[in-house]
Amino acid sequence: MNKYGTSEKEELAWAGGFFSGEGCTVCHIHKTRNERPYPFIHINQIHEEELIRFNDAIGNLGNVIGPYIKKSNKLSKKPMWAINCYGYEKTKHILEMLWPYLSKAKQEQGLRVINQCKEYHEDEGLTIRY
């Protein structure tokens, strides 16, 4: 049992559901670093504690940042928090850990992003274990 009263597998299942509803996997091209694409995982939330729990579940591979006010959000002025997990290996590892618990849409999104970036990282892509 962990500090949330659940097993590691239960936490991964929770994290997969949370990410499926709140997160995204993105392929970014960094203009100042030789324009080489890299993937990252991102989640915005007003609840910092949920992002900390997600980060705990994925082995603290991300960085929780905030609070900040999102100027483009006209519906809420509440402080926002975010978690970012940058880099090809980290993103790939997180997707592999969460894969059995991700929605079909998030699986497809993750696979598409990894495939967009893998040729620049001399890798075979995701190794999925069910």
N, C-alpha and C. Protein backbone atom coordinates (compact mmCIF):
# COMPACT_ATOMS: atom_id res chain seq x y z
N MET A 1 0.84 -1.20 0.00
CA MET A 1 0.00 0.00 0.00
C MET A 1 0.87 1.25 0.00
N ASN A 2 0.40 2.26 -0.71
CA ASN A 2 1.09 3.53 -0.75
C ASN A 2 0.36 4.55 0.11
N LYS A 3 0.76 5.81 0.05
CA LYS A 3 0.13 6.84 0.87
C LYS A 3 -1.32 7.13 0.48
N TYR A 4 -1.76 6.62 -0.68
CA TYR A 4 -3.14 6.79 -1.12
C TYR A 4 -4.00 5.59 -0.75
N GLY A 5 -3.38 4.58 -0.12
CA GLY A 5 -4.11 3.39 0.30
C GLY A 5 -4.39 2.41 -0.83
N THR A 6 -3.60 2.49 -1.90
CA THR A 6 -3.81 1.62 -3.06
C THR A 6 -2.50 0.93 -3.43
N SER A 7 -2.63 -0.09 -4.27
CA SER A 7 -1.45 -0.79 -4.78
C SER A 7 -0.87 -0.01 -5.95
N GLU A 8 0.33 -0.38 -6.37
CA GLU A 8 0.95 0.27 -7.53
C GLU A 8 0.10 0.10 -8.79
N LYS A 9 -0.46 -1.10 -8.96
CA LYS A 9 -1.30 -1.36 -10.13
C LYS A 9 -2.57 -0.49 -10.10
N GLU A 10 -3.16 -0.34 -8.92
CA GLU A 10 -4.36 0.50 -8.80
C GLU A 10 -4.03 1.97 -9.08
N GLU A 11 -2.86 2.41 -8.65
CA GLU A 11 -2.45 3.78 -8.93
C GLU A 11 -2.21 4.01 -10.41
N LEU A 12 -1.62 3.03 -11.08
CA LEU A 12 -1.43 3.15 -12.53
C LEU A 12 -2.78 3.19 -13.25
N ALA A 13 -3.73 2.39 -12.78
CA ALA A 13 -5.07 2.40 -13.37
C ALA A 13 -5.72 3.77 -13.14
N TRP A 14 -5.59 4.32 -11.93
CA TRP A 14 -6.13 5.66 -11.65
C TRP A 14 -5.46 6.68 -12.56
N ALA A 15 -4.13 6.62 -12.67
CA ALA A 15 -3.37 7.58 -13.48
C ALA A 15 -3.77 7.48 -14.96
N GLY A 16 -3.99 6.26 -15.45
CA GLY A 16 -4.41 6.07 -16.83
C GLY A 16 -5.76 6.70 -17.10
N GLY A 17 -6.69 6.52 -16.17
CA GLY A 17 -8.01 7.15 -16.31
C GLY A 17 -7.94 8.66 -16.22
N PHE A 18 -7.16 9.15 -15.27
CA PHE A 18 -6.98 10.60 -15.10
C PHE A 18 -6.37 11.21 -16.37
N PHE A 19 -5.32 10.57 -16.88
CA PHE A 19 -4.67 11.07 -18.09
C PHE A 19 -5.61 11.00 -19.30
N SER A 20 -6.38 9.93 -19.39
CA SER A 20 -7.33 9.80 -20.52
C SER A 20 -8.33 10.95 -20.55
N GLY A 21 -8.74 11.40 -19.37
CA GLY A 21 -9.71 12.48 -19.31
C GLY A 21 -9.12 13.88 -19.32
N GLU A 22 -7.90 14.04 -18.81
CA GLU A 22 -7.36 15.38 -18.61
C GLU A 22 -6.08 15.69 -19.38
N GLY A 23 -5.37 14.68 -19.85
CA GLY A 23 -4.04 14.90 -20.40
C GLY A 23 -3.94 14.85 -21.91
N CYS A 24 -2.73 15.12 -22.38
CA CYS A 24 -2.45 15.00 -23.81
C CYS A 24 -0.98 14.66 -24.02
N THR A 25 -0.72 14.01 -25.14
CA THR A 25 0.63 13.72 -25.59
C THR A 25 0.85 14.56 -26.85
N VAL A 26 1.95 15.29 -26.87
CA VAL A 26 2.19 16.27 -27.93
C VAL A 26 3.58 16.06 -28.51
N CYS A 27 3.71 16.25 -29.82
CA CYS A 27 5.01 16.26 -30.48
C CYS A 27 5.37 17.72 -30.73
N HIS A 28 6.47 18.16 -30.14
CA HIS A 28 6.87 19.56 -30.22
C HIS A 28 8.19 19.68 -30.97
N ILE A 29 8.29 20.68 -31.82
CA ILE A 29 9.55 20.97 -32.49
C ILE A 29 10.14 22.21 -31.85
N HIS A 30 11.29 22.04 -31.22
CA HIS A 30 11.96 23.13 -30.52
C HIS A 30 12.78 23.93 -31.51
N LYS A 31 12.40 25.15 -31.75
CA LYS A 31 13.02 25.99 -32.79
C LYS A 31 14.49 26.28 -32.52
N THR A 32 14.90 26.32 -31.25
CA THR A 32 16.30 26.67 -30.96
C THR A 32 17.21 25.46 -30.77
N ARG A 33 16.66 24.28 -30.79
CA ARG A 33 17.47 23.07 -30.62
C ARG A 33 17.40 22.20 -31.86
N ASN A 34 17.99 22.62 -32.89
CA ASN A 34 18.11 21.94 -34.19
C ASN A 34 16.80 21.40 -34.76
N GLU A 35 15.68 21.97 -34.33
CA GLU A 35 14.35 21.63 -34.86
C GLU A 35 14.05 20.14 -34.83
N ARG A 36 14.60 19.46 -33.87
CA ARG A 36 14.36 18.02 -33.68
C ARG A 36 13.10 17.83 -32.85
N PRO A 37 12.13 17.10 -33.35
CA PRO A 37 10.88 16.93 -32.59
C PRO A 37 11.07 16.06 -31.35
N TYR A 38 10.36 16.42 -30.31
CA TYR A 38 10.36 15.58 -29.11
C TYR A 38 8.95 15.54 -28.55
N PRO A 39 8.59 14.42 -27.96
CA PRO A 39 7.25 14.29 -27.38
C PRO A 39 7.23 14.75 -25.93
N PHE A 40 6.07 15.13 -25.48
CA PHE A 40 5.89 15.36 -24.05
C PHE A 40 4.45 15.12 -23.65
N ILE A 41 4.29 14.87 -22.37
CA ILE A 41 2.98 14.65 -21.76
C ILE A 41 2.65 15.88 -20.94
N HIS A 42 1.40 16.32 -21.02
CA HIS A 42 0.99 17.55 -20.34
C HIS A 42 -0.42 17.39 -19.78
N ILE A 43 -0.61 17.90 -18.57
CA ILE A 43 -1.94 17.98 -17.95
C ILE A 43 -2.04 19.32 -17.23
N ASN A 44 -3.12 20.05 -17.46
CA ASN A 44 -3.47 21.27 -16.72
C ASN A 44 -4.56 20.94 -15.72
N GLN A 45 -4.50 21.54 -14.55
CA GLN A 45 -5.50 21.31 -13.51
C GLN A 45 -5.54 22.49 -12.56
N ILE A 46 -6.68 22.68 -11.88
CA ILE A 46 -6.72 23.63 -10.78
C ILE A 46 -6.40 22.94 -9.45
N HIS A 47 -6.31 21.61 -9.47
CA HIS A 47 -6.05 20.84 -8.25
C HIS A 47 -4.63 20.29 -8.27
N GLU A 48 -3.74 20.95 -7.57
CA GLU A 48 -2.34 20.53 -7.53
C GLU A 48 -2.19 19.10 -7.01
N GLU A 49 -3.00 18.74 -6.02
CA GLU A 49 -2.85 17.42 -5.39
C GLU A 49 -3.09 16.27 -6.37
N GLU A 50 -3.95 16.48 -7.37
CA GLU A 50 -4.19 15.43 -8.36
C GLU A 50 -2.96 15.25 -9.26
N LEU A 51 -2.29 16.34 -9.57
CA LEU A 51 -1.08 16.27 -10.39
C LEU A 51 0.07 15.63 -9.62
N ILE A 52 0.15 15.91 -8.33
CA ILE A 52 1.17 15.27 -7.50
C ILE A 52 0.92 13.77 -7.44
N ARG A 53 -0.34 13.38 -7.28
CA ARG A 53 -0.68 11.95 -7.26
C ARG A 53 -0.32 11.29 -8.59
N PHE A 54 -0.64 11.95 -9.71
CA PHE A 54 -0.29 11.42 -11.02
C PHE A 54 1.23 11.24 -11.12
N ASN A 55 1.97 12.25 -10.71
CA ASN A 55 3.43 12.18 -10.76
C ASN A 55 3.96 11.04 -9.89
N ASP A 56 3.38 10.86 -8.71
CA ASP A 56 3.76 9.73 -7.85
C ASP A 56 3.53 8.41 -8.57
N ALA A 57 2.39 8.28 -9.24
CA ALA A 57 2.03 7.03 -9.92
C ALA A 57 3.00 6.69 -11.05
N ILE A 58 3.53 7.71 -11.72
CA ILE A 58 4.44 7.47 -12.85
C ILE A 58 5.91 7.53 -12.43
N GLY A 59 6.15 7.44 -11.14
CA GLY A 59 7.54 7.38 -10.66
C GLY A 59 8.24 8.72 -10.64
N ASN A 60 7.47 9.80 -10.47
CA ASN A 60 8.03 11.16 -10.40
C ASN A 60 8.86 11.53 -11.63
N LEU A 61 8.38 11.15 -12.79
CA LEU A 61 9.07 11.47 -14.04
C LEU A 61 8.73 12.85 -14.58
N GLY A 62 7.74 13.49 -13.97
CA GLY A 62 7.31 14.80 -14.45
C GLY A 62 7.68 15.92 -13.51
N ASN A 63 7.34 17.13 -13.92
CA ASN A 63 7.54 18.32 -13.11
C ASN A 63 6.20 19.02 -12.94
N VAL A 64 5.77 19.19 -11.68
CA VAL A 64 4.53 19.91 -11.40
C VAL A 64 4.91 21.37 -11.23
N ILE A 65 4.23 22.24 -12.00
CA ILE A 65 4.52 23.67 -11.95
C ILE A 65 3.25 24.46 -11.64
N GLY A 66 3.42 25.63 -11.10
CA GLY A 66 2.30 26.50 -10.80
C GLY A 66 2.45 27.07 -9.40
N PRO A 67 1.49 27.82 -8.97
CA PRO A 67 0.26 28.18 -9.69
C PRO A 67 0.50 29.34 -10.66
N TYR A 68 -0.36 29.41 -11.66
CA TYR A 68 -0.32 30.51 -12.61
C TYR A 68 -1.74 30.78 -13.07
N ILE A 69 -1.97 31.98 -13.56
CA ILE A 69 -3.27 32.35 -14.09
C ILE A 69 -3.20 32.25 -15.61
N LYS A 70 -4.06 31.45 -16.19
CA LYS A 70 -4.09 31.28 -17.63
C LYS A 70 -4.91 32.43 -18.23
N LYS A 71 -4.23 33.34 -18.89
CA LYS A 71 -4.87 34.54 -19.42
C LYS A 71 -5.91 34.25 -20.48
N SER A 72 -5.75 33.17 -21.22
CA SER A 72 -6.69 32.85 -22.29
C SER A 72 -7.98 32.22 -21.78
N ASN A 73 -8.03 31.88 -20.49
CA ASN A 73 -9.21 31.25 -19.93
C ASN A 73 -10.18 32.32 -19.44
N LYS A 74 -11.23 32.57 -20.20
CA LYS A 74 -12.21 33.60 -19.85
C LYS A 74 -13.26 33.08 -18.87
N LEU A 75 -13.33 31.76 -18.67
CA LEU A 75 -14.35 31.19 -17.79
C LEU A 75 -13.91 31.13 -16.33
N SER A 76 -12.63 31.07 -16.07
CA SER A 76 -12.16 30.92 -14.70
C SER A 76 -10.90 31.73 -14.47
N LYS A 77 -10.82 32.33 -13.33
CA LYS A 77 -9.61 33.07 -12.93
C LYS A 77 -8.87 32.30 -11.82
N LYS A 78 -9.24 31.03 -11.63
CA LYS A 78 -8.58 30.23 -10.60
C LYS A 78 -7.15 29.91 -11.01
N PRO A 79 -6.26 29.85 -10.04
CA PRO A 79 -4.88 29.47 -10.34
C PRO A 79 -4.81 28.07 -10.94
N MET A 80 -3.95 27.91 -11.92
CA MET A 80 -3.77 26.63 -12.60
C MET A 80 -2.44 26.01 -12.19
N TRP A 81 -2.39 24.70 -12.28
CA TRP A 81 -1.18 23.91 -12.08
C TRP A 81 -1.03 23.04 -13.32
N ALA A 82 0.17 22.59 -13.57
CA ALA A 82 0.41 21.71 -14.71
C ALA A 82 1.49 20.71 -14.36
N ILE A 83 1.44 19.58 -15.06
CA ILE A 83 2.55 18.64 -15.02
C ILE A 83 3.03 18.46 -16.45
N ASN A 84 4.34 18.49 -16.60
CA ASN A 84 4.97 18.27 -17.90
C ASN A 84 6.01 17.17 -17.75
N CYS A 85 6.01 16.27 -18.69
CA CYS A 85 6.99 15.19 -18.74
C CYS A 85 7.64 15.27 -20.12
N TYR A 86 8.82 15.87 -20.19
CA TYR A 86 9.49 16.12 -21.46
C TYR A 86 10.46 15.01 -21.81
N GLY A 87 10.60 14.76 -23.10
CA GLY A 87 11.62 13.87 -23.60
C GLY A 87 11.06 12.58 -24.16
N TYR A 88 11.77 12.06 -25.13
CA TYR A 88 11.34 10.86 -25.83
C TYR A 88 11.26 9.66 -24.90
N GLU A 89 12.34 9.38 -24.18
CA GLU A 89 12.37 8.19 -23.32
C GLU A 89 11.35 8.26 -22.20
N LYS A 90 11.24 9.42 -21.55
CA LYS A 90 10.25 9.57 -20.47
C LYS A 90 8.84 9.38 -20.98
N THR A 91 8.52 10.06 -22.08
CA THR A 91 7.17 9.98 -22.64
C THR A 91 6.84 8.55 -23.03
N LYS A 92 7.75 7.91 -23.69
CA LYS A 92 7.56 6.51 -24.11
C LYS A 92 7.35 5.61 -22.89
N HIS A 93 8.16 5.78 -21.88
CA HIS A 93 8.06 4.95 -20.68
C HIS A 93 6.71 5.16 -19.97
N ILE A 94 6.28 6.39 -19.85
CA ILE A 94 5.00 6.68 -19.21
C ILE A 94 3.85 6.06 -19.99
N LEU A 95 3.86 6.21 -21.30
CA LEU A 95 2.81 5.60 -22.12
C LEU A 95 2.79 4.08 -21.96
N GLU A 96 3.95 3.47 -21.92
CA GLU A 96 4.01 2.01 -21.75
C GLU A 96 3.46 1.59 -20.39
N MET A 97 3.76 2.35 -19.34
CA MET A 97 3.23 2.03 -18.00
C MET A 97 1.71 2.14 -17.96
N LEU A 98 1.19 3.18 -18.60
CA LEU A 98 -0.26 3.46 -18.51
C LEU A 98 -1.09 2.78 -19.59
N TRP A 99 -0.44 2.21 -20.59
CA TRP A 99 -1.12 1.71 -21.79
C TRP A 99 -2.38 0.88 -21.52
N PRO A 100 -2.34 -0.13 -20.65
CA PRO A 100 -3.55 -0.95 -20.46
C PRO A 100 -4.73 -0.16 -19.88
N TYR A 101 -4.46 1.00 -19.32
CA TYR A 101 -5.50 1.78 -18.63
C TYR A 101 -5.92 3.02 -19.41
N LEU A 102 -5.30 3.25 -20.56
CA LEU A 102 -5.63 4.43 -21.36
C LEU A 102 -6.84 4.17 -22.26
N SER A 103 -7.59 5.22 -22.52
CA SER A 103 -8.69 5.12 -23.48
C SER A 103 -8.10 4.87 -24.86
N LYS A 104 -8.93 4.37 -25.76
CA LYS A 104 -8.51 4.13 -27.14
C LYS A 104 -7.97 5.42 -27.78
N ALA A 105 -8.67 6.53 -27.52
CA ALA A 105 -8.25 7.82 -28.09
C ALA A 105 -6.85 8.21 -27.60
N LYS A 106 -6.57 8.01 -26.31
CA LYS A 106 -5.25 8.37 -25.78
C LYS A 106 -4.18 7.39 -26.25
N GLN A 107 -4.53 6.13 -26.44
CA GLN A 107 -3.57 5.18 -27.02
C GLN A 107 -3.19 5.62 -28.43
N GLU A 108 -4.20 5.96 -29.23
CA GLU A 108 -3.95 6.40 -30.61
C GLU A 108 -3.13 7.69 -30.64
N GLN A 109 -3.46 8.62 -29.76
CA GLN A 109 -2.71 9.88 -29.70
C GLN A 109 -1.25 9.62 -29.32
N GLY A 110 -1.02 8.80 -28.30
CA GLY A 110 0.34 8.48 -27.87
C GLY A 110 1.14 7.78 -28.96
N LEU A 111 0.52 6.83 -29.61
CA LEU A 111 1.18 6.10 -30.69
C LEU A 111 1.54 7.02 -31.85
N ARG A 112 0.63 7.91 -32.21
CA ARG A 112 0.86 8.86 -33.29
C ARG A 112 2.04 9.78 -32.95
N VAL A 113 2.10 10.27 -31.73
CA VAL A 113 3.17 11.18 -31.33
C VAL A 113 4.51 10.46 -31.29
N ILE A 114 4.55 9.27 -30.71
CA ILE A 114 5.81 8.51 -30.65
C ILE A 114 6.29 8.19 -32.07
N ASN A 115 5.37 7.80 -32.94
CA ASN A 115 5.76 7.50 -34.32
C ASN A 115 6.28 8.74 -35.05
N GLN A 116 5.73 9.91 -34.75
CA GLN A 116 6.22 11.14 -35.37
C GLN A 116 7.65 11.45 -34.95
N CYS A 117 8.00 11.07 -33.73
CA CYS A 117 9.31 11.45 -33.17
C CYS A 117 10.36 10.35 -33.23
N LYS A 118 9.95 9.09 -33.40
CA LYS A 118 10.90 7.99 -33.22
C LYS A 118 12.06 7.98 -34.21
N GLU A 119 11.83 8.42 -35.43
CA GLU A 119 12.92 8.39 -36.41
C GLU A 119 14.07 9.30 -36.01
N TYR A 120 13.80 10.31 -35.19
CA TYR A 120 14.83 11.23 -34.73
C TYR A 120 15.54 10.71 -33.48
N HIS A 121 15.06 9.59 -32.96
CA HIS A 121 15.62 9.05 -31.72
C HIS A 121 16.14 7.63 -31.89
N GLU A 122 16.25 7.17 -33.13
CA GLU A 122 16.79 5.84 -33.45
C GLU A 122 16.19 4.77 -32.54
N ASP A 123 14.88 4.67 -32.60
CA ASP A 123 14.15 3.78 -31.71
C ASP A 123 13.07 3.06 -32.50
N GLU A 124 12.60 1.96 -31.93
CA GLU A 124 11.55 1.18 -32.59
C GLU A 124 10.15 1.59 -32.18
N GLY A 125 10.02 2.55 -31.29
CA GLY A 125 8.71 3.00 -30.86
C GLY A 125 8.27 2.34 -29.58
N LEU A 126 6.96 2.29 -29.35
CA LEU A 126 6.41 1.76 -28.11
C LEU A 126 6.52 0.23 -28.04
N THR A 127 6.83 -0.24 -26.85
CA THR A 127 6.79 -1.67 -26.57
C THR A 127 5.60 -1.87 -25.64
N ILE A 128 4.53 -2.36 -26.18
CA ILE A 128 3.28 -2.48 -25.44
C ILE A 128 3.18 -3.86 -24.79
N ARG A 129 2.89 -3.84 -23.48
CA ARG A 129 2.69 -5.08 -22.72
C ARG A 129 1.29 -5.07 -22.15
N TYR A 130 0.49 -6.07 -22.50
CA TYR A 130 -0.88 -6.14 -21.97
C TYR A 130 -0.92 -7.05 -20.79
